[in-house]
Amino acid sequence: MSIFKRIGDIMRSRKETPAAAPSVHPLEGSSIGDIVNVDLEEYVVTGKVVYFDRGYAPHRFAYYVQNGRNISCLLVEKGRSYDCFLCEFVEGALDDPANVPTRLDVDGEDHYELENHQNDITRTEGNTDFRTGDEALFWRYFGTEDRYFFLQWQDGKFVAMQGTRVPPSDVKFMRSAK
């Protein structure tokens, strides 16, 4: 073995290997233009809202997804495990976040009880109902037959969604080529 080959091997062995990029869970790291398959139905991600408390990692992700003309919301909540909800937007009217009830009756058929209420900061991408960096109030209600109702308020605007829980294993993201 030649001296130059030995020196080359020593130099290559001391070269730092680049650190691996941190792995981000697909339910958290998806972005605008990605395709999401929920229960055998395909959607395009058109907007994303990330909810977090100052100084802490994000704990909720709202993906605005579109299938044809229909725009829905895939809500992903991060805890010990992931909770996923496929929601449809609901029209309604509330004026003051201080007057949000603990029990909701929707169309006289569905009844929901308040499960929790949080104040979060938002970071947005694409087409959403919210702005980046503002505080958002978030209410989560539960009903019968695994149905849920979500109410959000930011800067004088309410957004209401009604949906069902989806197993995280039924949610598949396909990254878009950028």
Protein backbone atom coordinates (compact mmCIF):
# COMPACT_ATOMS: atom_id res chain seq x y z
CA MET A 1 0.00 0.00 0.00
CA SER A 2 1.43 3.35 -0.96
CA ILE A 3 2.03 6.18 1.49
CA PHE A 4 -0.40 8.42 -0.41
CA LYS A 5 -3.20 5.87 -0.14
CA ARG A 6 -2.61 5.60 3.63
CA ILE A 7 -2.66 9.36 4.08
CA GLY A 8 -5.85 9.57 1.98
CA ASP A 9 -7.52 6.89 4.14
CA ILE A 10 -6.52 8.73 7.34
CA MET A 11 -7.89 12.02 6.00
CA ARG A 12 -11.18 10.42 4.99
CA SER A 13 -11.57 8.72 8.38
CA ARG A 14 -11.20 12.05 10.21
CA LYS A 15 -13.72 13.82 8.04
CA GLU A 16 -16.90 14.63 9.96
CA THR A 17 -20.00 12.89 8.75
CA PRO A 18 -22.92 15.27 8.39
CA ALA A 19 -25.48 15.03 11.17
CA ALA A 20 -28.69 13.35 10.15
CA ALA A 21 -31.63 15.69 9.74
CA PRO A 22 -34.03 15.42 12.66
CA SER A 23 -36.89 13.10 11.88
CA VAL A 24 -40.28 14.83 11.87
CA HIS A 25 -43.45 12.80 12.16
CA PRO A 26 -45.53 13.01 8.93
CA LEU A 27 -48.58 14.18 10.91
CA GLU A 28 -46.55 17.23 11.99
CA GLY A 29 -44.21 17.94 9.09
CA SER A 30 -46.53 18.09 6.10
CA SER A 31 -46.81 21.28 4.13
CA ILE A 32 -48.77 23.06 1.42
CA GLY A 33 -49.19 20.99 -1.75
CA ASP A 34 -48.82 17.61 -0.06
CA ILE A 35 -51.46 14.95 -0.71
CA VAL A 36 -53.19 13.39 2.29
CA ASN A 37 -55.20 10.20 2.13
CA VAL A 38 -57.81 9.92 4.89
CA ASP A 39 -59.87 6.75 4.97
CA LEU A 40 -59.31 6.11 1.23
CA GLU A 41 -60.23 9.70 0.25
CA GLU A 42 -57.51 11.96 -1.18
CA TYR A 43 -57.11 15.66 -0.39
CA VAL A 44 -54.59 18.38 -1.24
CA VAL A 45 -53.20 20.43 1.68
CA THR A 46 -53.99 24.10 0.94
CA GLY A 47 -53.30 25.60 4.37
CA LYS A 48 -51.73 24.76 7.71
CA VAL A 49 -52.11 26.24 11.19
CA VAL A 50 -49.66 25.25 13.92
CA TYR A 51 -50.76 25.88 17.52
CA PHE A 52 -48.26 26.21 20.36
CA ASP A 53 -47.67 27.80 23.75
CA ARG A 54 -44.81 30.30 23.93
CA GLY A 55 -41.58 28.47 24.65
CA TYR A 56 -43.00 25.00 23.97
CA ALA A 57 -43.20 22.67 21.00
CA PRO A 58 -46.35 22.69 18.84
CA HIS A 59 -49.19 20.50 20.12
CA ARG A 60 -51.91 20.93 17.49
CA PHE A 61 -51.88 21.09 13.70
CA ALA A 62 -54.84 22.06 11.51
CA TYR A 63 -54.49 21.13 7.84
CA TYR A 64 -56.93 22.83 5.49
CA VAL A 65 -57.51 20.12 2.89
CA GLN A 66 -59.38 20.29 -0.39
CA ASN A 67 -61.09 17.57 -2.40
CA GLY A 68 -62.60 19.11 -5.52
CA ARG A 69 -64.63 22.09 -4.33
CA ASN A 70 -65.02 20.79 -0.78
CA ILE A 71 -62.67 22.29 1.83
CA SER A 72 -62.33 20.37 5.10
CA CYS A 73 -59.97 20.46 8.04
CA LEU A 74 -57.76 17.63 9.27
CA LEU A 75 -57.03 18.41 12.91
CA VAL A 76 -54.08 16.60 14.53
CA GLU A 77 -53.56 16.88 18.29
CA LYS A 78 -50.30 15.71 19.78
CA GLY A 79 -50.21 14.23 23.27
CA ARG A 80 -48.93 10.87 24.41
CA SER A 81 -50.24 9.71 21.06
CA TYR A 82 -51.77 11.47 18.07
CA ASP A 83 -55.51 12.21 17.83
CA CYS A 84 -56.81 12.95 14.33
CA PHE A 85 -60.18 14.47 13.43
CA LEU A 86 -61.62 15.06 9.96
CA CYS A 87 -63.91 18.08 10.24
CA GLU A 88 -66.33 20.04 8.12
CA PHE A 89 -66.77 23.78 8.65
CA VAL A 90 -70.06 24.84 10.22
CA GLU A 91 -71.80 28.18 9.78
CA GLY A 92 -73.03 29.91 12.90
CA ALA A 93 -72.79 33.09 14.88
CA LEU A 94 -71.22 34.00 18.19
CA ASP A 95 -70.21 37.50 19.17
CA ASP A 96 -68.10 37.28 22.30
CA PRO A 97 -65.57 34.61 23.36
CA ALA A 98 -66.58 35.22 26.98
CA ASN A 99 -70.08 33.90 26.19
CA VAL A 100 -69.09 30.52 24.72
CA PRO A 101 -71.40 27.89 26.29
CA THR A 102 -70.30 24.64 27.95
CA ARG A 103 -73.07 22.70 26.16
CA LEU A 104 -73.88 23.02 22.46
CA ASP A 105 -76.97 21.92 20.56
CA VAL A 106 -76.36 21.85 16.80
CA ASP A 107 -79.48 21.77 14.61
CA GLY A 108 -81.45 20.32 17.52
CA GLU A 109 -79.96 16.90 16.76
CA ASP A 110 -76.36 16.83 17.95
CA HIS A 111 -75.45 17.65 21.55
CA TYR A 112 -71.90 18.41 22.66
CA GLU A 113 -70.27 18.95 26.06
CA LEU A 114 -67.18 21.11 26.58
CA GLU A 115 -64.08 18.94 27.02
CA ASN A 116 -61.33 21.57 27.22
CA HIS A 117 -60.42 25.18 26.43
CA GLN A 118 -56.97 26.56 25.59
CA ASN A 119 -55.18 29.75 24.60
CA ASP A 120 -52.56 29.19 21.90
CA ILE A 121 -50.32 31.12 19.55
CA THR A 122 -50.66 30.35 15.83
CA ARG A 123 -48.23 30.02 12.94
CA THR A 124 -49.88 29.75 9.54
CA GLU A 125 -49.02 28.76 5.97
CA GLY A 126 -51.19 28.94 2.86
CA ASN A 127 -54.95 29.57 2.88
CA THR A 128 -56.30 29.56 6.44
CA ASP A 129 -58.73 31.56 8.55
CA PHE A 130 -56.03 32.83 10.93
CA ARG A 131 -52.93 35.01 11.08
CA THR A 132 -49.44 34.12 12.22
CA GLY A 133 -48.29 35.18 15.67
CA ASP A 134 -51.68 36.02 17.16
CA GLU A 135 -53.35 34.42 20.16
CA ALA A 136 -56.19 32.03 19.38
CA LEU A 137 -58.77 30.63 21.78
CA PHE A 138 -59.68 27.00 21.17
CA TRP A 139 -62.64 24.99 22.56
CA ARG A 140 -63.04 21.22 22.10
CA TYR A 141 -66.45 19.59 22.63
CA PHE A 142 -67.32 15.89 22.58
CA GLY A 143 -70.61 14.30 21.60
CA THR A 144 -72.09 10.88 21.04
CA GLU A 145 -70.84 8.32 18.51
CA ASP A 146 -67.27 9.67 18.53
CA ARG A 147 -68.36 13.05 17.13
CA TYR A 148 -66.56 16.25 18.09
CA PHE A 149 -67.10 19.98 17.73
CA PHE A 150 -64.28 22.52 17.65
CA LEU A 151 -64.64 26.24 18.10
CA GLN A 152 -61.81 28.70 17.48
CA TRP A 153 -61.60 32.45 17.97
CA GLN A 154 -58.93 34.89 16.83
CA ASP A 155 -59.16 38.65 16.53
CA GLY A 156 -62.96 38.89 16.50
CA LYS A 157 -63.61 35.92 14.22
CA PHE A 158 -65.08 32.53 15.16
CA VAL A 159 -64.48 29.36 13.14
CA ALA A 160 -66.59 26.29 13.96
CA MET A 161 -65.95 22.71 12.83
CA GLN A 162 -67.81 19.47 13.34
CA GLY A 163 -66.14 16.13 12.76
CA THR A 164 -65.26 12.59 13.70
CA ARG A 165 -62.17 10.93 15.11
CA VAL A 166 -60.01 9.17 12.54
CA PRO A 167 -57.39 6.58 13.56
CA PRO A 168 -53.90 8.00 12.87
CA SER A 169 -53.09 4.82 10.94
CA ASP A 170 -55.79 5.82 8.39
CA VAL A 171 -54.03 9.13 7.65
CA LYS A 172 -51.24 8.94 5.06
CA PHE A 173 -49.30 11.93 3.74
CA MET A 174 -47.50 11.95 0.40
CA ARG A 175 -44.89 14.69 0.05
CA SER A 176 -45.09 16.91 -3.00
CA ALA A 177 -42.05 17.34 -5.19
CA LYS A 178 -40.78 20.87 -4.65
